[in-house]
Amino acid sequence: MKELKEISVLDFYKYYQTKNDFRIIDVRDPMEYDSFHIHSSINIPASLLVYKHNLFINKHQKYFIICGNGTRSKTVSLALTSLGYYIYNVVGGIEKWPGLLVSSKRFKF
């Protein structure tokens, strides 16, 4: 079994600013994601990603998995790593993200 790779949110932020060879998957629920998320991330809830991974990701791409504080992302990262995907768990999650976050909420007037 492959070993789980982890990166601190601060180290990932530095990587995020200088590289483009990866994708970010935010595994929080859609309502959490809509409130605030990293601009270039995609939202695939944890349970959906674990059970339907072959529909969303491939083994030739590098993925950074993030959630609110690192708990759900670690669970997902362990599962996907064991299946042979190129995964990094982002330790600290969105709560520790030092950069700009965006919102997808649409306000009704």
Foldseek 3Di string as FASTA:
>chain_A
DDDAAEDELVVVLVVVVPDDQAAEEEQDDPVVVQAKDDPRHDYDHLVRCLVVVVVPDDQVGAYEYAYAAQPSQVVSRVSVVVVRHRYYYHHGGPPPNPDDIDHNDDDDD
